[in-house]
Amino acid sequence: MTGCELVSSCPYFLGTAEMPESYREEYCGSEYQRCGRYMVWIALERERNSRFNLEISEGEAVQGELGNVP
């Protein structure tokens, strides 16, 4: 199966959460962009990246949160 980058930690793909095999083939493989878990992950990543870029562009001290990281 190719596709979703979340399969290594996905309870549906790993079988720890119940899901029919036909859905697993569809949502973990070719149509992974339609998977709810994947869509939420993408939205959270987009939000995190936009917040980080906003902090940088506004000149806020990111070091205050991270400490003195080079």
N, C-alpha and C. Protein backbone atom coordinates (compact mmCIF):
# COMPACT_ATOMS: atom_id res chain seq x y z
N MET A 1 0.84 -1.18 0.00
CA MET A 1 0.00 0.00 0.00
C MET A 1 0.89 1.25 0.00
N THR A 2 0.55 2.18 -0.82
CA THR A 2 1.27 3.45 -0.81
C THR A 2 0.29 4.55 -0.46
N GLY A 3 0.80 5.65 -0.05
CA GLY A 3 -0.09 6.75 0.22
C GLY A 3 0.16 7.43 1.54
N CYS A 4 -0.71 7.22 2.47
CA CYS A 4 -0.74 7.98 3.72
C CYS A 4 0.56 7.83 4.51
N GLU A 5 1.08 8.98 4.94
CA GLU A 5 2.31 8.96 5.72
C GLU A 5 2.06 8.69 7.21
N LEU A 6 0.80 8.56 7.60
CA LEU A 6 0.46 8.32 9.01
C LEU A 6 0.27 6.84 9.34
N VAL A 7 0.42 5.95 8.37
CA VAL A 7 0.11 4.54 8.60
C VAL A 7 0.94 3.90 9.72
N SER A 8 2.14 4.37 9.95
CA SER A 8 2.98 3.75 10.97
C SER A 8 2.44 3.94 12.38
N SER A 9 1.59 4.97 12.57
CA SER A 9 1.02 5.21 13.90
C SER A 9 -0.51 5.19 13.90
N CYS A 10 -1.11 4.80 12.80
CA CYS A 10 -2.56 4.86 12.69
C CYS A 10 -3.23 3.63 13.30
N PRO A 11 -4.12 3.83 14.28
CA PRO A 11 -4.80 2.69 14.90
C PRO A 11 -5.71 1.95 13.93
N TYR A 12 -6.22 2.64 12.93
CA TYR A 12 -7.09 1.99 11.94
C TYR A 12 -6.27 1.10 11.01
N PHE A 13 -5.14 1.58 10.57
CA PHE A 13 -4.29 0.79 9.68
C PHE A 13 -3.67 -0.38 10.43
N LEU A 14 -3.25 -0.15 11.67
CA LEU A 14 -2.59 -1.20 12.46
C LEU A 14 -3.58 -2.22 13.01
N GLY A 15 -4.87 -1.91 12.96
CA GLY A 15 -5.88 -2.85 13.41
C GLY A 15 -6.22 -2.74 14.88
N THR A 16 -5.71 -1.74 15.59
CA THR A 16 -6.06 -1.59 16.99
C THR A 16 -7.41 -0.91 17.17
N ALA A 17 -7.88 -0.25 16.11
CA ALA A 17 -9.23 0.31 16.07
C ALA A 17 -9.97 -0.42 14.95
N GLU A 18 -11.22 -0.70 15.18
CA GLU A 18 -11.98 -1.50 14.23
C GLU A 18 -12.35 -0.70 12.98
N MET A 19 -12.05 -1.29 11.82
CA MET A 19 -12.41 -0.69 10.55
C MET A 19 -12.43 -1.80 9.51
N PRO A 20 -13.44 -1.85 8.67
CA PRO A 20 -13.50 -2.88 7.63
C PRO A 20 -12.30 -2.80 6.68
N GLU A 21 -11.86 -3.95 6.22
CA GLU A 21 -10.70 -4.03 5.33
C GLU A 21 -10.89 -3.20 4.06
N SER A 22 -12.09 -3.16 3.54
CA SER A 22 -12.33 -2.38 2.32
C SER A 22 -12.07 -0.89 2.55
N TYR A 23 -12.44 -0.39 3.72
CA TYR A 23 -12.17 1.01 4.05
C TYR A 23 -10.67 1.23 4.23
N ARG A 24 -10.02 0.28 4.86
CA ARG A 24 -8.58 0.38 5.08
C ARG A 24 -7.85 0.49 3.74
N GLU A 25 -8.24 -0.32 2.78
CA GLU A 25 -7.60 -0.27 1.47
C GLU A 25 -7.84 1.08 0.81
N GLU A 26 -9.05 1.60 0.94
CA GLU A 26 -9.40 2.86 0.31
C GLU A 26 -8.76 4.05 1.02
N TYR A 27 -8.99 4.18 2.33
CA TYR A 27 -8.56 5.36 3.06
C TYR A 27 -7.09 5.36 3.47
N CYS A 28 -6.46 4.22 3.55
CA CYS A 28 -5.04 4.16 3.90
C CYS A 28 -4.17 4.10 2.65
N GLY A 29 -4.78 3.76 1.53
CA GLY A 29 -4.04 3.62 0.30
C GLY A 29 -4.28 4.75 -0.67
N SER A 30 -5.08 4.47 -1.66
CA SER A 30 -5.22 5.40 -2.78
C SER A 30 -5.99 6.68 -2.45
N GLU A 31 -6.93 6.64 -1.54
CA GLU A 31 -7.77 7.81 -1.23
C GLU A 31 -7.49 8.36 0.17
N TYR A 32 -6.24 8.33 0.59
CA TYR A 32 -5.92 8.74 1.96
C TYR A 32 -6.25 10.21 2.24
N GLN A 33 -6.31 11.05 1.20
CA GLN A 33 -6.63 12.46 1.41
C GLN A 33 -8.07 12.64 1.91
N ARG A 34 -8.92 11.64 1.74
CA ARG A 34 -10.31 11.72 2.19
C ARG A 34 -10.49 11.22 3.62
N CYS A 35 -9.46 10.68 4.21
CA CYS A 35 -9.51 10.14 5.58
C CYS A 35 -9.62 11.30 6.58
N GLY A 36 -10.56 11.19 7.52
CA GLY A 36 -10.76 12.23 8.52
C GLY A 36 -9.54 12.47 9.38
N ARG A 37 -8.88 11.41 9.80
CA ARG A 37 -7.69 11.53 10.62
C ARG A 37 -6.60 12.28 9.88
N TYR A 38 -6.42 11.98 8.60
CA TYR A 38 -5.42 12.65 7.78
C TYR A 38 -5.77 14.12 7.60
N MET A 39 -7.05 14.43 7.35
CA MET A 39 -7.47 15.81 7.15
C MET A 39 -7.23 16.66 8.40
N VAL A 40 -7.49 16.09 9.57
CA VAL A 40 -7.26 16.81 10.82
C VAL A 40 -5.76 17.05 11.01
N TRP A 41 -4.95 16.04 10.73
CA TRP A 41 -3.49 16.17 10.86
C TRP A 41 -2.97 17.28 9.95
N ILE A 42 -3.43 17.30 8.70
CA ILE A 42 -3.01 18.33 7.75
C ILE A 42 -3.42 19.72 8.23
N ALA A 43 -4.64 19.85 8.73
CA ALA A 43 -5.12 21.14 9.23
C ALA A 43 -4.28 21.61 10.42
N LEU A 44 -3.95 20.71 11.33
CA LEU A 44 -3.14 21.08 12.49
C LEU A 44 -1.73 21.47 12.07
N GLU A 45 -1.16 20.76 11.12
CA GLU A 45 0.17 21.10 10.60
C GLU A 45 0.15 22.47 9.94
N ARG A 46 -0.87 22.74 9.15
CA ARG A 46 -1.00 24.03 8.47
C ARG A 46 -1.11 25.15 9.50
N GLU A 47 -1.90 24.94 10.55
CA GLU A 47 -2.07 25.96 11.59
C GLU A 47 -0.75 26.19 12.34
N ARG A 48 -0.07 25.11 12.67
CA ARG A 48 1.20 25.23 13.39
C ARG A 48 2.22 25.99 12.54
N ASN A 49 2.29 25.67 11.25
CA ASN A 49 3.24 26.35 10.38
C ASN A 49 2.89 27.82 10.19
N SER A 50 1.60 28.13 10.07
CA SER A 50 1.22 29.53 9.89
C SER A 50 1.48 30.33 11.16
N ARG A 51 1.28 29.75 12.32
CA ARG A 51 1.58 30.45 13.57
C ARG A 51 3.07 30.73 13.68
N PHE A 52 3.88 29.75 13.34
CA PHE A 52 5.33 29.91 13.42
C PHE A 52 5.78 31.01 12.45
N ASN A 53 5.26 30.99 11.22
CA ASN A 53 5.63 32.00 10.24
C ASN A 53 5.16 33.39 10.67
N LEU A 54 4.00 33.48 11.29
CA LEU A 54 3.48 34.75 11.78
C LEU A 54 4.38 35.30 12.88
N GLU A 55 4.81 34.44 13.80
CA GLU A 55 5.70 34.88 14.88
C GLU A 55 7.01 35.40 14.31
N ILE A 56 7.54 34.73 13.32
CA ILE A 56 8.80 35.15 12.72
C ILE A 56 8.61 36.48 11.99
N SER A 57 7.54 36.61 11.23
CA SER A 57 7.33 37.82 10.45
C SER A 57 7.02 39.04 11.33
N GLU A 58 6.42 38.82 12.47
CA GLU A 58 6.12 39.93 13.37
C GLU A 58 7.29 40.26 14.27
N GLY A 59 8.34 39.46 14.21
CA GLY A 59 9.54 39.73 15.00
C GLY A 59 9.43 39.33 16.45
N GLU A 60 8.47 38.47 16.79
CA GLU A 60 8.35 38.02 18.17
C GLU A 60 9.51 37.10 18.50
N ALA A 61 9.89 37.11 19.71
CA ALA A 61 11.04 36.30 20.15
C ALA A 61 10.61 34.85 20.31
N VAL A 62 10.99 34.05 19.35
CA VAL A 62 10.71 32.63 19.44
C VAL A 62 11.62 32.00 20.46
N GLN A 63 12.78 32.59 20.67
CA GLN A 63 13.72 32.05 21.65
C GLN A 63 13.13 32.04 23.05
N GLY A 64 12.21 32.93 23.34
CA GLY A 64 11.59 32.94 24.66
C GLY A 64 10.87 31.64 24.96
N GLU A 65 10.28 31.03 23.93
CA GLU A 65 9.58 29.76 24.11
C GLU A 65 10.55 28.59 24.07
N LEU A 66 11.56 28.70 23.22
CA LEU A 66 12.46 27.58 23.01
C LEU A 66 13.72 27.64 23.87
N GLY A 67 13.95 28.75 24.52
CA GLY A 67 15.19 28.91 25.25
C GLY A 67 16.26 29.44 24.30
N ASN A 68 17.48 29.27 24.65
CA ASN A 68 18.57 29.76 23.81
C ASN A 68 19.04 28.67 22.87
N VAL A 69 18.21 28.36 21.92
CA VAL A 69 18.55 27.35 20.92
C VAL A 69 19.25 28.04 19.77
N PRO A 70 20.45 27.58 19.39
CA PRO A 70 21.17 28.22 18.28
C PRO A 70 20.45 28.06 16.97
